[in-house]
Protein backbone atom coordinates (compact mmCIF):
# COMPACT_ATOMS: atom_id res chain seq x y z
CA MET A 1 108.81 110.95 127.07
CA GLY A 2 110.00 114.66 127.40
CA SER A 3 108.12 117.86 126.93
CA ASP A 4 108.68 121.66 126.62
CA ARG A 5 106.71 124.71 126.07
CA GLY A 6 106.40 126.20 122.69
CA SER A 7 105.86 125.04 119.15
CA THR A 8 106.53 126.60 115.69
CA PRO A 9 103.99 128.85 113.86
CA ASP A 10 105.24 127.34 110.64
CA LEU A 11 104.23 123.83 111.78
CA LEU A 12 100.77 125.08 112.73
CA GLY A 13 100.43 126.51 109.32
CA ARG A 14 100.84 123.10 107.74
CA VAL A 15 97.72 121.77 109.69
CA PRO A 16 94.46 122.46 107.75
CA TYR A 17 92.72 123.57 110.91
CA PHE A 18 95.24 126.38 111.66
CA ARG A 19 96.09 127.35 108.09
CA VAL A 20 93.03 129.49 108.05
CA LEU A 21 94.42 131.63 110.94
CA SER A 22 96.54 134.71 110.53
CA ALA A 23 100.31 134.33 111.06
CA ARG A 24 99.90 136.60 114.26
CA THR A 25 97.21 134.38 115.86
CA ARG A 26 99.20 131.17 114.98
CA ALA A 27 102.25 132.67 116.65
CA GLY A 28 100.29 133.47 119.71
CA LEU A 29 98.76 130.01 119.76
CA ALA A 30 102.20 128.34 119.35
CA ARG A 31 103.50 130.06 122.48
CA ARG A 32 100.64 128.38 124.46
CA LEU A 33 101.22 124.86 123.31
CA ARG A 34 103.34 122.05 124.67
CA SER A 35 105.78 119.85 122.66
CA VAL A 36 106.24 116.27 123.73
CA ALA A 37 108.95 113.88 122.42
CA PHE A 38 108.30 110.00 122.02
CA ALA A 39 110.74 107.36 121.41
CA ARG A 40 110.34 104.81 118.70
CA HIS A 41 107.54 102.30 119.55
CA GLN A 42 106.40 104.38 122.45
CA SER A 43 102.69 104.61 122.80
CA VAL A 44 101.02 107.93 122.43
CA PHE A 45 97.58 106.96 123.38
CA VAL A 46 95.50 103.80 123.70
CA GLU A 47 92.06 102.86 122.32
CA GLY A 48 89.43 103.62 124.92
CA GLU A 49 91.42 106.06 127.00
CA PRO A 50 89.82 109.49 127.73
CA CYS A 51 90.78 112.28 125.39
CA ASP A 52 91.07 115.84 126.47
CA GLY A 53 93.04 117.43 123.60
CA LEU A 54 94.39 117.11 120.01
CA TRP A 55 97.78 115.85 118.99
CA ILE A 56 99.67 117.44 116.00
CA VAL A 57 102.72 115.46 114.52
CA ALA A 58 105.69 117.80 114.25
CA GLU A 59 108.40 115.12 113.59
CA GLY A 60 108.46 111.46 112.84
CA ARG A 61 105.83 108.86 111.82
CA LEU A 62 103.04 107.22 113.82
CA LYS A 63 100.74 104.24 113.19
CA ILE A 64 97.12 104.53 114.11
CA PHE A 65 95.63 101.07 114.78
CA ARG A 66 92.89 99.02 116.46
CA THR A 67 93.61 95.70 118.21
CA SER A 68 91.33 92.58 118.15
CA PRO A 69 90.53 90.74 121.46
CA ARG A 70 93.16 88.18 120.36
CA GLY A 71 95.78 90.83 119.91
CA ARG A 72 95.91 91.18 116.15
CA GLU A 73 96.49 94.72 114.86
CA GLN A 74 94.77 96.52 112.01
CA VAL A 75 96.61 99.64 111.02
CA LEU A 76 94.11 102.29 109.97
CA HIS A 77 96.61 104.81 108.72
CA VAL A 78 100.21 106.06 109.10
CA GLU A 79 100.72 109.75 109.68
CA GLY A 80 103.67 112.22 109.42
CA PRO A 81 104.44 115.85 110.15
CA GLY A 82 101.49 118.12 109.95
CA ALA A 83 98.90 115.47 110.75
CA SER A 84 96.34 115.79 113.63
CA LEU A 85 95.19 112.87 115.81
CA GLY A 86 92.23 112.52 118.19
CA GLU A 87 89.44 114.66 116.63
CA VAL A 88 86.68 112.16 117.11
CA PRO A 89 86.87 111.50 120.92
CA LEU A 90 87.62 115.18 121.37
CA PHE A 91 84.24 116.28 120.06
CA ASP A 92 82.07 113.29 120.84
CA GLY A 93 83.22 112.99 124.45
CA GLY A 94 84.09 109.31 124.18
CA GLY A 95 87.45 107.59 124.49
CA TYR A 96 90.04 107.21 121.66
CA VAL A 97 88.71 105.06 118.90
CA ALA A 98 92.22 103.65 118.16
CA SER A 99 95.65 103.51 119.53
CA ALA A 100 98.73 105.41 118.30
CA THR A 101 102.36 104.38 118.53
CA ALA A 102 105.48 106.15 117.31
CA LEU A 103 107.17 104.19 114.39
CA THR A 104 110.16 106.50 114.71
CA ALA A 105 111.41 108.91 117.25
CA SER A 106 108.70 111.58 117.09
CA ARG A 107 107.72 115.03 118.41
CA LEU A 108 104.09 116.01 118.87
CA ILE A 109 102.31 119.11 119.72
CA TRP A 110 99.54 119.01 122.34
CA VAL A 111 96.45 121.24 121.85
CA PRO A 112 94.19 121.16 124.90
CA ARG A 113 90.45 120.85 124.38
CA ARG A 114 89.81 124.27 125.91
CA GLU A 115 92.18 125.77 123.35
CA LEU A 116 90.53 124.22 120.40
CA GLU A 117 87.06 124.97 121.59
CA ARG A 118 88.03 128.65 121.98
CA LEU A 119 89.48 128.79 118.47
CA CYS A 120 86.32 127.23 117.08
CA ARG A 121 84.22 129.72 118.72
CA GLN A 122 86.29 132.71 117.64
CA HIS A 123 87.28 131.52 114.26
CA PRO A 124 84.37 129.52 112.54
CA ASP A 125 86.73 128.65 109.63
CA VAL A 126 88.65 126.42 112.01
CA ALA A 127 85.49 124.38 112.81
CA LEU A 128 84.73 124.10 109.11
CA ALA A 129 88.32 122.85 108.37
CA ILE A 130 88.04 120.22 111.18
CA ILE A 131 84.72 118.96 109.68
CA ALA A 132 86.40 118.73 106.22
CA THR A 133 89.29 116.76 107.65
CA MET A 134 86.95 114.35 109.51
CA ALA A 135 84.89 113.88 106.37
CA ARG A 136 88.15 112.90 104.44
CA ARG A 137 88.89 110.38 107.17
CA VAL A 138 85.58 108.84 106.93
CA ARG A 139 85.91 108.54 103.23
CA ALA A 140 89.35 106.89 103.63
CA PHE A 141 88.03 104.46 106.24
CA ALA A 142 85.17 103.39 103.83
CA GLY A 143 87.85 102.77 101.14
CA LEU A 144 89.77 100.68 103.64
CA ALA A 145 86.71 98.71 104.65
CA GLY A 146 85.92 97.96 100.93
CA ASP A 147 89.57 96.88 100.35
CA LEU A 148 89.39 94.48 103.33
CA ALA A 149 86.23 92.99 102.27
CA LEU A 150 86.62 92.75 98.49
CA ARG A 151 90.22 92.89 97.44
CA PRO A 152 92.83 89.99 97.94
CA VAL A 153 95.95 90.55 99.86
CA ARG A 154 98.09 90.98 96.67
CA ALA A 155 95.88 93.93 95.50
CA ARG A 156 95.99 95.46 99.04
CA LEU A 157 99.76 95.17 99.01
CA GLY A 158 100.11 96.54 95.48
CA ARG A 159 97.92 99.61 96.49
CA LEU A 160 100.21 100.30 99.55
CA LEU A 161 103.38 100.03 97.52
CA LEU A 162 101.91 102.48 94.98
CA GLU A 163 100.99 104.85 97.65
CA GLU A 164 104.40 104.82 99.07
CA ALA A 165 106.13 105.16 95.57
CA ARG A 166 104.00 108.19 94.89
CA ARG A 167 104.64 109.73 98.37
CA VAL A 168 108.42 109.12 98.82
CA GLY A 169 109.64 107.18 95.75
CA ARG A 170 112.81 108.06 93.96
CA GLU A 171 112.91 107.88 90.23
CA THR A 172 115.74 105.77 88.81
CA PRO A 173 116.50 104.51 85.29
CA ARG A 174 115.02 100.95 86.36
CA GLY A 175 111.95 102.20 88.14
CA VAL A 176 110.83 103.84 91.27
CA GLU A 177 112.73 103.05 94.46
CA ILE A 178 111.29 103.08 97.91
CA THR A 179 112.15 101.81 101.42
CA LEU A 180 109.73 99.24 102.52
CA PRO A 181 107.23 101.06 105.00
CA GLY A 182 108.01 99.02 108.05
CA THR A 183 108.84 95.47 109.01
CA ARG A 184 107.02 92.60 107.26
CA ASP A 185 104.68 92.35 110.35
CA GLU A 186 103.92 96.12 110.25
CA ILE A 187 103.23 96.03 106.43
CA ALA A 188 100.91 93.00 106.95
CA ALA A 189 99.04 94.98 109.75
CA ARG A 190 98.47 97.85 107.37
CA ILE A 191 96.82 95.71 104.77
CA GLY A 192 94.71 93.78 107.09
CA THR A 193 96.57 90.46 107.12
CA VAL A 194 99.44 88.64 108.90
CA ARG A 195 103.14 88.16 107.94
CA GLU A 196 102.87 84.91 105.90
CA PRO A 197 100.18 85.98 103.38
CA ALA A 198 101.77 89.25 103.01
CA SER A 199 105.18 87.67 102.18
CA ARG A 200 103.52 85.38 99.69
CA ALA A 201 101.85 88.35 98.09
CA LEU A 202 105.21 90.29 97.82
CA SER A 203 106.92 87.19 96.36
CA ALA A 204 104.01 86.91 93.76
CA LEU A 205 104.58 90.55 92.76
CA ALA A 206 108.27 90.02 92.34
CA ARG A 207 107.72 86.82 90.25
CA GLN A 208 105.56 88.91 87.86
CA GLY A 209 108.41 91.24 87.46
CA LEU A 210 106.42 94.08 88.92
CA VAL A 211 108.88 94.77 91.83
CA THR A 212 112.34 93.69 93.03
CA VAL A 213 113.19 93.47 96.76
CA ARG A 214 116.61 93.87 98.26
CA GLY A 215 116.42 93.92 102.03
CA ARG A 216 114.55 97.02 102.96
CA ARG A 217 114.72 98.53 99.54
CA LEU A 218 112.03 97.82 96.98
CA LEU A 219 112.09 98.80 93.28
CA VAL A 220 108.84 99.18 91.47
CA ARG A 221 109.87 98.10 87.98
CA ASP A 222 106.53 98.25 86.39
CA VAL A 223 104.24 100.92 87.77
CA LYS A 224 101.42 100.38 85.28
CA GLY A 225 101.50 96.63 85.95
CA LEU A 226 101.42 97.28 89.72
CA GLU A 227 98.44 99.56 89.24
CA VAL A 228 96.65 96.65 87.37
CA ALA A 229 97.43 94.31 90.20
CA ALA A 230 96.30 96.80 92.83
CA GLU A 231 92.73 96.88 91.15
CA GLU A 232 92.39 93.10 91.21
CA GLY A 233 89.07 91.84 92.78
CA ASP A 234 88.36 88.59 94.44
């Protein structure tokens, strides 16, 4: 893990919290922050550890997850550039509520607690933006809890593939092409299961003609059909 001083005002402008600041204020803030590099699979923070600042993703992708006493992971969300991590423990004084690990080589910006508190006092719009972001996270977690309780694995996988297709999919004459978002184990963790049920669900979607899988590449052949599968209940 390496670090250096300085970050980019343009990056800060992509974060909802700091978008409300003037360009001049963002430039001054950027000069006071620290950039930290993480290798693929390197831990950024661990559930339960104390938190005294906010992380902002500058480059790469990270998974945010919780681990059961038996070691099984539940991925809560995957974040990329512009995302912020660690708001809850920063403001409630507790430890991190989940762990974060780099899925790819990544660079993050560290915002110390004292810096964020100063910004909130001087710029109330920053505090309001933080509240809005935390509210969106609560809404997303409520949806995740509902999916895990009420939807079968095939539906949860279908929803994940649709999200990836909309986010990074490439339109082709045959359908929407994506790269599978992680290894089979990582995909399983994101939908709250283990490798074998996730693989069976992917095979079922392929047998229906909804997707075609070739190694790490996946073609969504029938978007409408996959949307129906993603809404399937128990």
